[in-house]
C-alpha atoms as a PDB file:
ATOM      1  CA  MET A   1     -10.266  15.881  -4.204  1.00  0.00           C
ATOM      2  CA  SER A   2     -13.097  18.142  -5.553  1.00  0.00           C
ATOM      3  CA  PHE A   3     -16.961  16.804  -6.067  1.00  0.00           C
ATOM      4  CA  THR A   4     -16.168  17.580  -9.261  1.00  0.00           C
ATOM      5  CA  ASP A   5     -13.506  15.230 -10.184  1.00  0.00           C
ATOM      6  CA  LYS A   6     -15.252  12.684  -8.007  1.00  0.00           C
ATOM      7  CA  VAL A   7     -17.515  12.601 -10.613  1.00  0.00           C
ATOM      8  CA  GLU A   8     -15.802  12.669 -13.530  1.00  0.00           C
ATOM      9  CA  HIS A   9     -13.665   9.828 -12.705  1.00  0.00           C
ATOM     10  CA  LYS A  10     -16.727   7.789 -11.857  1.00  0.00           C
ATOM     11  CA  ALA A  11     -18.561   8.298 -15.318  1.00  0.00           C
ATOM     12  CA  GLU A  12     -15.485   7.448 -16.734  1.00  0.00           C
ATOM     13  CA  GLU A  13     -15.896   4.115 -14.781  1.00  0.00           C
ATOM     14  CA  LEU A  14     -19.064   3.799 -15.894  1.00  0.00           C
ATOM     15  CA  LYS A  15     -18.629   4.568 -19.630  1.00  0.00           C
ATOM     16  CA  GLY A  16     -15.878   2.115 -19.741  1.00  0.00           C
ATOM     17  CA  ALA A  17     -17.617  -0.522 -18.130  1.00  0.00           C
ATOM     18  CA  ALA A  18     -20.137   0.462 -20.831  1.00  0.00           C
ATOM     19  CA  LYS A  19     -17.675   0.247 -23.458  1.00  0.00           C
ATOM     20  CA  GLU A  20     -16.599  -2.423 -22.152  1.00  0.00           C
ATOM     21  CA  LYS A  21     -20.623  -4.593 -22.215  1.00  0.00           C
ATOM     22  CA  PHE A  22     -20.776  -3.143 -25.864  1.00  0.00           C
ATOM     23  CA  GLY A  23     -17.648  -5.205 -27.099  1.00  0.00           C
ATOM     24  CA  ASP A  24     -18.833  -8.525 -25.411  1.00  0.00           C
ATOM     25  CA  ALA A  25     -21.980  -8.150 -26.965  1.00  0.00           C
ATOM     26  CA  THR A  26     -20.927  -7.712 -30.622  1.00  0.00           C
ATOM     27  CA  ASP A  27     -17.824  -9.838 -29.478  1.00  0.00           C
ATOM     28  CA  ASN A  28     -15.764  -7.320 -30.256  1.00  0.00           C
ATOM     29  CA  GLU A  29     -12.169  -7.942 -28.548  1.00  0.00           C
ATOM     30  CA  SER A  30     -10.329  -4.566 -29.331  1.00  0.00           C
ATOM     31  CA  LEU A  31     -13.438  -2.741 -28.063  1.00  0.00           C
ATOM     32  CA  GLN A  32     -13.949  -4.378 -24.710  1.00  0.00           C
ATOM     33  CA  ALA A  33      -9.967  -4.222 -24.208  1.00  0.00           C
ATOM     34  CA  GLU A  34      -9.952  -0.580 -24.413  1.00  0.00           C
ATOM     35  CA  GLY A  35     -12.955  -1.050 -22.007  1.00  0.00           C
ATOM     36  CA  ALA A  36     -11.439  -2.780 -19.474  1.00  0.00           C
ATOM     37  CA  ALA A  37      -8.736  -0.664 -19.445  1.00  0.00           C
ATOM     38  CA  GLU A  38     -10.552   2.967 -18.968  1.00  0.00           C
ATOM     39  CA  ARG A  39     -12.467   1.372 -16.601  1.00  0.00           C
ATOM     40  CA  ARG A  40      -9.203   0.365 -14.849  1.00  0.00           C
ATOM     41  CA  ALA A  41      -7.727   3.917 -15.283  1.00  0.00           C
ATOM     42  CA  ALA A  42     -10.720   5.376 -13.780  1.00  0.00           C
ATOM     43  CA  GLN A  43     -10.430   3.063 -11.056  1.00  0.00           C
ATOM     44  CA  ALA A  44      -6.968   4.429 -10.229  1.00  0.00           C
ATOM     45  CA  ARG A  45      -7.969   7.735 -10.072  1.00  0.00           C
ATOM     46  CA  GLN A  46     -10.705   7.267  -7.881  1.00  0.00           C
ATOM     47  CA  ALA A  47      -7.964   5.131  -5.768  1.00  0.00           C
ATOM     48  CA  GLY A  48      -5.813   8.396  -6.023  1.00  0.00           C
ATOM     49  CA  ASP A  49      -8.999  10.142  -4.658  1.00  0.00           C
ATOM     50  CA  ASN A  50      -9.136   8.514  -1.858  1.00  0.00           C
ATOM     51  CA  LEU A  51      -5.684   8.260  -0.626  1.00  0.00           C
ATOM     52  CA  HIS A  52      -5.950  12.205  -0.984  1.00  0.00           C
ATOM     53  CA  ASP A  53      -8.558  12.165   0.949  1.00  0.00           C
ATOM     54  CA  ALA A  54      -7.353   9.943   3.491  1.00  0.00           C
ATOM     55  CA  GLY A  55      -4.239  12.295   3.772  1.00  0.00           C
ATOM     56  CA  ARG A  56      -6.222  14.720   4.365  1.00  0.00           C
ATOM     57  CA  HIS A  57      -8.452  13.866   6.817  1.00  0.00           C
ATOM     58  CA  ALA A  58      -5.361  12.309   8.604  1.00  0.00           C
ATOM     59  CA  ARG A  59      -3.930  15.724   8.488  1.00  0.00           C
ATOM     60  CA  ASP A  60      -6.295  17.365   9.670  1.00  0.00           C
ATOM     61  CA  ALA A  61      -7.228  15.138  12.627  1.00  0.00           C
ATOM     62  CA  LEU A  62      -3.404  15.704  13.980  1.00  0.00           C
ATOM     63  CA  THR A  63      -4.123  19.519  13.743  1.00  0.00           C
ATOM     64  CA  ASP A  64      -6.887  19.642  15.535  1.00  0.00           C
END
């Protein structure tokens, strides 16, 4: 994955975490849930990025 994609996914995770914390502070359950969902979705995209990179590294190791 490109560096830009990784940065965007990390920013999305931080945005979701901030939204979740703000929901905690204001006792807004809807905002908490929305932030948690955004954070988890971004983490899943990051896991996909890592899996993609691992596959590429394995392929490179086998072809060298």
